[in-house]
Protein backbone atom coordinates (compact mmCIF):
# COMPACT_ATOMS: atom_id res chain seq x y z
CA UNK A 1 21.61 30.33 -44.00
CA UNK A 2 19.58 33.20 -42.54
CA UNK A 3 20.64 36.67 -42.79
CA UNK A 4 20.96 38.64 -39.61
CA UNK A 5 19.23 41.58 -41.32
CA UNK A 6 16.22 39.70 -42.18
CA UNK A 7 15.97 37.73 -38.75
CA UNK A 8 16.21 40.84 -36.71
CA UNK A 9 15.04 43.56 -39.04
CA UNK A 10 16.51 46.93 -39.67
CA UNK A 11 15.25 50.43 -38.81
CA UNK A 12 11.68 50.62 -38.05
CA UNK A 13 11.30 47.02 -38.94
CA UNK A 14 13.47 45.91 -36.04
CA UNK A 15 10.53 47.43 -33.90
CA UNK A 16 7.53 46.17 -36.05
CA UNK A 17 8.67 42.53 -35.93
CA UNK A 18 8.56 41.95 -32.21
CA UNK A 19 5.24 43.92 -32.13
CA UNK A 20 3.78 41.55 -34.85
CA UNK A 21 5.07 38.51 -33.08
CA UNK A 22 3.56 39.61 -29.80
CA UNK A 23 0.30 40.45 -31.49
CA UNK A 24 -0.10 37.07 -33.17
CA UNK A 25 1.43 35.21 -30.15
CA UNK A 26 4.21 33.51 -32.11
CA UNK A 27 7.51 34.46 -34.00
CA UNK A 28 6.93 36.01 -37.24
CA UNK A 29 7.39 33.47 -40.16
CA UNK A 30 10.46 33.85 -42.31
CA UNK A 31 8.42 34.44 -45.38
CA UNK A 32 6.68 37.43 -43.76
CA UNK A 33 10.16 38.68 -42.61
CA UNK A 34 11.53 38.47 -46.23
CA UNK A 35 8.38 40.22 -47.55
CA UNK A 36 9.19 43.14 -45.17
CA UNK A 37 12.76 43.19 -45.82
CA UNK A 38 12.72 43.66 -49.37
CA UNK A 39 9.34 44.38 -50.69
CA UNK A 40 10.29 45.71 -54.04
CA UNK A 41 12.53 42.66 -54.79
CA UNK A 42 10.39 40.00 -53.41
CA UNK A 43 7.31 41.17 -51.69
CA UNK A 44 5.38 42.80 -54.46
CA UNK A 45 5.79 39.85 -57.07
CA UNK A 46 5.08 37.33 -54.31
CA UNK A 47 1.95 39.17 -53.19
CA UNK A 48 0.72 39.48 -56.64
CA UNK A 49 1.10 35.99 -57.31
CA UNK A 50 -0.58 35.01 -53.99
CA UNK A 51 -3.64 37.07 -54.78
CA UNK A 52 -3.93 35.59 -58.19
CA UNK A 53 -3.70 32.16 -56.71
CA UNK A 54 -6.08 32.90 -53.62
CA UNK A 55 -8.46 35.32 -55.30
CA UNK A 56 -8.31 34.74 -59.18
CA UNK A 57 -10.71 32.61 -61.19
CA UNK A 58 -11.07 29.21 -60.01
CA UNK A 59 -13.52 26.04 -59.65
CA UNK A 60 -12.93 26.47 -55.80
CA UNK A 61 -14.18 29.30 -53.82
CA UNK A 62 -11.97 31.66 -51.81
CA UNK A 63 -12.81 29.92 -48.62
CA UNK A 64 -11.95 26.58 -50.02
CA UNK A 65 -8.63 27.87 -51.21
CA UNK A 66 -7.97 29.26 -47.68
CA UNK A 67 -8.88 26.19 -46.08
CA UNK A 68 -6.48 24.12 -48.33
CA UNK A 69 -3.64 26.76 -47.44
CA UNK A 70 -4.53 26.48 -43.75
CA UNK A 71 -4.54 22.53 -43.76
CA UNK A 72 -1.21 22.61 -45.67
CA UNK A 73 0.39 24.98 -43.24
CA UNK A 74 -0.79 22.75 -40.28
CA UNK A 75 0.62 19.62 -41.91
CA UNK A 76 3.92 21.42 -42.27
CA UNK A 77 3.87 22.73 -38.68
CA UNK A 78 3.70 26.21 -40.01
CA UNK A 79 2.20 28.92 -37.85
CA UNK A 80 1.44 31.22 -40.93
């Protein structure tokens, strides 16, 4: 179930989502909509985790991790 307020945005976010979609040439992915909708509840913790995974200590370089993420997104038909 997708909440209407997350799908369409509220306030300034209602204007931001279409502009973001136009800029990238695709619909803004749901994970980004959720990050924007409630950044204090979901966004900060998720962003911190992603930064740790993608930029923290690892045997793989940052570009290798980005490549893995891109490949996985492509395999899942994800535009993000």
